[in-house]
Amino acid sequence: MANHRSTETAAAINKAAAIWLLRLEASASPELRKDFQKWLDKEPRHRAAFVRLRFAWYTSDKFRLFRPADGSVDEDFIAKL
């Protein structure tokens, strides 16, 4: 069986993953989910890119909870973790 590696660049895949994430956040209709599943199944790198991006998206959302109410920035925040 021949390996039919996709010619999509990593940048193109990451861009598509970002678009899918935003589309799914806005509205996750059954038809959209079906199209998304087709995209995931088309190429293993699609799923990997989407998972990485979704993890970063939700992790950054959690970091926002640590933001001071006055909007100040603690330059040493990461070092304190």
N, C-alpha and C. Protein backbone atom coordinates (compact mmCIF):
# COMPACT_ATOMS: atom_id res chain seq x y z
N MET A 1 0.85 -1.18 0.00
CA MET A 1 0.00 0.00 0.00
C MET A 1 0.89 1.24 0.00
N ALA A 2 0.68 2.14 -0.92
CA ALA A 2 1.50 3.35 -1.04
C ALA A 2 1.08 4.38 0.00
N ASN A 3 2.06 5.13 0.47
CA ASN A 3 1.80 6.20 1.42
C ASN A 3 1.47 7.47 0.64
N HIS A 4 0.26 7.95 0.75
CA HIS A 4 -0.19 9.13 0.02
C HIS A 4 -0.17 10.33 0.96
N ARG A 5 1.01 10.74 1.36
CA ARG A 5 1.19 11.87 2.27
C ARG A 5 0.62 13.13 1.64
N SER A 6 -0.15 13.86 2.41
CA SER A 6 -0.75 15.09 1.93
C SER A 6 0.34 16.13 1.63
N THR A 7 0.08 16.96 0.65
CA THR A 7 1.03 18.02 0.31
C THR A 7 0.70 19.32 1.04
N GLU A 8 -0.27 19.29 1.93
CA GLU A 8 -0.61 20.48 2.70
C GLU A 8 0.56 20.87 3.58
N THR A 9 0.83 22.14 3.65
CA THR A 9 1.89 22.61 4.53
C THR A 9 1.38 22.66 5.96
N ALA A 10 2.30 22.65 6.90
CA ALA A 10 1.93 22.76 8.31
C ALA A 10 1.19 24.07 8.56
N ALA A 11 1.63 25.14 7.91
CA ALA A 11 0.97 26.43 8.09
C ALA A 11 -0.48 26.38 7.60
N ALA A 12 -0.71 25.73 6.47
CA ALA A 12 -2.07 25.62 5.93
C ALA A 12 -2.95 24.78 6.86
N ILE A 13 -2.40 23.73 7.40
CA ILE A 13 -3.16 22.87 8.31
C ILE A 13 -3.48 23.63 9.60
N ASN A 14 -2.51 24.35 10.13
CA ASN A 14 -2.74 25.12 11.35
C ASN A 14 -3.79 26.21 11.13
N LYS A 15 -3.75 26.84 9.97
CA LYS A 15 -4.74 27.86 9.64
C LYS A 15 -6.13 27.25 9.56
N ALA A 16 -6.24 26.11 8.90
CA ALA A 16 -7.53 25.43 8.80
C ALA A 16 -8.03 25.00 10.18
N ALA A 17 -7.13 24.52 11.02
CA ALA A 17 -7.52 24.11 12.38
C ALA A 17 -8.07 25.31 13.15
N ALA A 18 -7.43 26.47 12.99
CA ALA A 18 -7.90 27.68 13.67
C ALA A 18 -9.29 28.08 13.18
N ILE A 19 -9.49 27.97 11.89
CA ILE A 19 -10.81 28.30 11.33
C ILE A 19 -11.87 27.34 11.86
N TRP A 20 -11.54 26.05 11.90
CA TRP A 20 -12.48 25.07 12.44
C TRP A 20 -12.80 25.37 13.90
N LEU A 21 -11.80 25.70 14.68
CA LEU A 21 -12.03 26.00 16.10
C LEU A 21 -12.99 27.17 16.25
N LEU A 22 -12.76 28.22 15.50
CA LEU A 22 -13.64 29.39 15.58
C LEU A 22 -15.05 29.08 15.11
N ARG A 23 -15.16 28.32 14.04
CA ARG A 23 -16.48 27.96 13.52
C ARG A 23 -17.25 27.11 14.54
N LEU A 24 -16.57 26.17 15.16
CA LEU A 24 -17.22 25.30 16.13
C LEU A 24 -17.59 26.06 17.40
N GLU A 25 -16.78 27.04 17.77
CA GLU A 25 -17.11 27.86 18.94
C GLU A 25 -18.36 28.69 18.68
N ALA A 26 -18.54 29.14 17.45
CA ALA A 26 -19.68 29.99 17.09
C ALA A 26 -20.98 29.20 16.98
N SER A 27 -20.91 28.02 16.39
CA SER A 27 -22.12 27.22 16.17
C SER A 27 -21.70 25.80 15.81
N ALA A 28 -22.16 24.86 16.60
CA ALA A 28 -21.78 23.47 16.35
C ALA A 28 -22.98 22.68 15.85
N SER A 29 -23.50 23.08 14.70
CA SER A 29 -24.65 22.39 14.12
C SER A 29 -24.23 20.97 13.74
N PRO A 30 -25.19 20.05 13.65
CA PRO A 30 -24.87 18.68 13.24
C PRO A 30 -24.16 18.62 11.89
N GLU A 31 -24.57 19.46 10.95
CA GLU A 31 -23.94 19.47 9.63
C GLU A 31 -22.49 19.94 9.73
N LEU A 32 -22.26 20.98 10.53
CA LEU A 32 -20.89 21.48 10.70
C LEU A 32 -20.02 20.43 11.37
N ARG A 33 -20.55 19.75 12.37
CA ARG A 33 -19.79 18.70 13.05
C ARG A 33 -19.45 17.55 12.08
N LYS A 34 -20.38 17.24 11.19
CA LYS A 34 -20.14 16.19 10.20
C LYS A 34 -19.01 16.60 9.25
N ASP A 35 -19.04 17.84 8.78
CA ASP A 35 -17.97 18.34 7.90
C ASP A 35 -16.64 18.39 8.64
N PHE A 36 -16.68 18.77 9.90
CA PHE A 36 -15.47 18.81 10.71
C PHE A 36 -14.88 17.42 10.87
N GLN A 37 -15.73 16.44 11.12
CA GLN A 37 -15.25 15.06 11.27
C GLN A 37 -14.60 14.57 9.99
N LYS A 38 -15.17 14.92 8.85
CA LYS A 38 -14.56 14.56 7.56
C LYS A 38 -13.17 15.17 7.44
N TRP A 39 -13.05 16.43 7.85
CA TRP A 39 -11.75 17.10 7.78
C TRP A 39 -10.75 16.41 8.71
N LEU A 40 -11.18 16.06 9.91
CA LEU A 40 -10.29 15.36 10.85
C LEU A 40 -9.83 14.02 10.27
N ASP A 41 -10.74 13.29 9.68
CA ASP A 41 -10.44 11.95 9.17
C ASP A 41 -9.60 11.96 7.90
N LYS A 42 -9.57 13.07 7.21
CA LYS A 42 -8.87 13.16 5.93
C LYS A 42 -7.36 13.02 6.07
N GLU A 43 -6.82 13.49 7.18
CA GLU A 43 -5.36 13.55 7.34
C GLU A 43 -5.02 13.54 8.84
N PRO A 44 -4.18 12.64 9.30
CA PRO A 44 -3.83 12.58 10.73
C PRO A 44 -3.28 13.90 11.28
N ARG A 45 -2.60 14.65 10.42
CA ARG A 45 -2.07 15.93 10.90
C ARG A 45 -3.16 16.94 11.20
N HIS A 46 -4.33 16.78 10.60
CA HIS A 46 -5.45 17.68 10.89
C HIS A 46 -5.84 17.54 12.36
N ARG A 47 -6.01 16.31 12.80
CA ARG A 47 -6.42 16.06 14.18
C ARG A 47 -5.36 16.57 15.15
N ALA A 48 -4.10 16.31 14.86
CA ALA A 48 -3.01 16.75 15.74
C ALA A 48 -2.98 18.27 15.86
N ALA A 49 -3.13 18.95 14.74
CA ALA A 49 -3.11 20.42 14.75
C ALA A 49 -4.30 20.96 15.53
N PHE A 50 -5.47 20.37 15.33
CA PHE A 50 -6.67 20.84 16.02
C PHE A 50 -6.55 20.62 17.53
N VAL A 51 -6.07 19.46 17.93
CA VAL A 51 -5.92 19.16 19.36
C VAL A 51 -4.94 20.14 20.01
N ARG A 52 -3.81 20.38 19.36
CA ARG A 52 -2.83 21.34 19.91
C ARG A 52 -3.44 22.72 20.05
N LEU A 53 -4.15 23.17 19.03
CA LEU A 53 -4.73 24.49 19.05
C LEU A 53 -5.84 24.60 20.10
N ARG A 54 -6.68 23.59 20.17
CA ARG A 54 -7.77 23.61 21.16
C ARG A 54 -7.21 23.62 22.57
N PHE A 55 -6.15 22.85 22.82
CA PHE A 55 -5.52 22.85 24.13
C PHE A 55 -5.00 24.25 24.47
N ALA A 56 -4.32 24.88 23.53
CA ALA A 56 -3.80 26.23 23.77
C ALA A 56 -4.93 27.22 24.00
N TRP A 57 -6.00 27.09 23.24
CA TRP A 57 -7.16 27.98 23.35
C TRP A 57 -7.76 27.91 24.75
N TYR A 58 -8.02 26.71 25.22
CA TYR A 58 -8.65 26.55 26.53
C TYR A 58 -7.69 26.84 27.67
N THR A 59 -6.42 26.55 27.48
CA THR A 59 -5.43 26.87 28.52
C THR A 59 -5.29 28.38 28.66
N SER A 60 -5.24 29.09 27.56
CA SER A 60 -5.11 30.54 27.64
C SER A 60 -6.35 31.15 28.28
N ASP A 61 -7.50 30.54 28.05
CA ASP A 61 -8.73 31.02 28.67
C ASP A 61 -8.63 30.89 30.19
N LYS A 62 -8.06 29.81 30.67
CA LYS A 62 -7.89 29.62 32.11
C LYS A 62 -6.91 30.62 32.69
N PHE A 63 -5.86 30.96 31.94
CA PHE A 63 -4.89 31.95 32.42
C PHE A 63 -5.55 33.31 32.60
N ARG A 64 -6.56 33.61 31.82
CA ARG A 64 -7.24 34.90 31.95
C ARG A 64 -7.87 35.05 33.33
N LEU A 65 -8.20 33.94 33.96
CA LEU A 65 -8.78 34.00 35.31
C LEU A 65 -7.80 34.56 36.33
N PHE A 66 -6.52 34.45 36.04
CA PHE A 66 -5.49 34.94 36.96
C PHE A 66 -5.16 36.42 36.73
N ARG A 67 -5.74 37.02 35.71
CA ARG A 67 -5.48 38.42 35.40
C ARG A 67 -6.04 39.29 36.52
N PRO A 68 -5.23 40.23 37.04
CA PRO A 68 -5.73 41.14 38.08
C PRO A 68 -6.89 41.98 37.56
N ALA A 69 -7.85 42.26 38.43
CA ALA A 69 -9.03 43.03 38.05
C ALA A 69 -8.67 44.43 37.57
N ASP A 70 -7.55 44.98 38.07
CA ASP A 70 -7.17 46.33 37.66
C ASP A 70 -6.42 46.36 36.33
N GLY A 71 -6.19 45.18 35.72
CA GLY A 71 -5.54 45.12 34.43
C GLY A 71 -4.03 45.21 34.47
N SER A 72 -3.45 45.28 35.67
CA SER A 72 -1.99 45.37 35.76
C SER A 72 -1.36 44.06 35.31
N VAL A 73 -0.12 44.15 34.90
CA VAL A 73 0.61 42.98 34.42
C VAL A 73 1.76 42.68 35.37
N ASP A 74 1.80 41.47 35.87
CA ASP A 74 2.89 41.03 36.73
C ASP A 74 3.95 40.39 35.85
N GLU A 75 5.04 41.08 35.63
CA GLU A 75 6.10 40.60 34.73
C GLU A 75 6.71 39.28 35.20
N ASP A 76 6.63 38.98 36.49
CA ASP A 76 7.23 37.77 37.04
C ASP A 76 6.22 36.65 37.26
N PHE A 77 5.04 36.74 36.65
CA PHE A 77 3.99 35.76 36.89
C PHE A 77 4.43 34.35 36.56
N ILE A 78 5.01 34.15 35.41
CA ILE A 78 5.43 32.80 35.00
C ILE A 78 6.50 32.27 35.95
N ALA A 79 7.42 33.12 36.36
CA ALA A 79 8.47 32.70 37.28
C ALA A 79 7.89 32.25 38.62
N LYS A 80 6.78 32.83 39.02
CA LYS A 80 6.15 32.48 40.30
C LYS A 80 5.42 31.15 40.25
N LEU A 81 5.11 30.69 39.05
CA LEU A 81 4.40 29.41 38.92
C LEU A 81 5.36 28.33 39.26
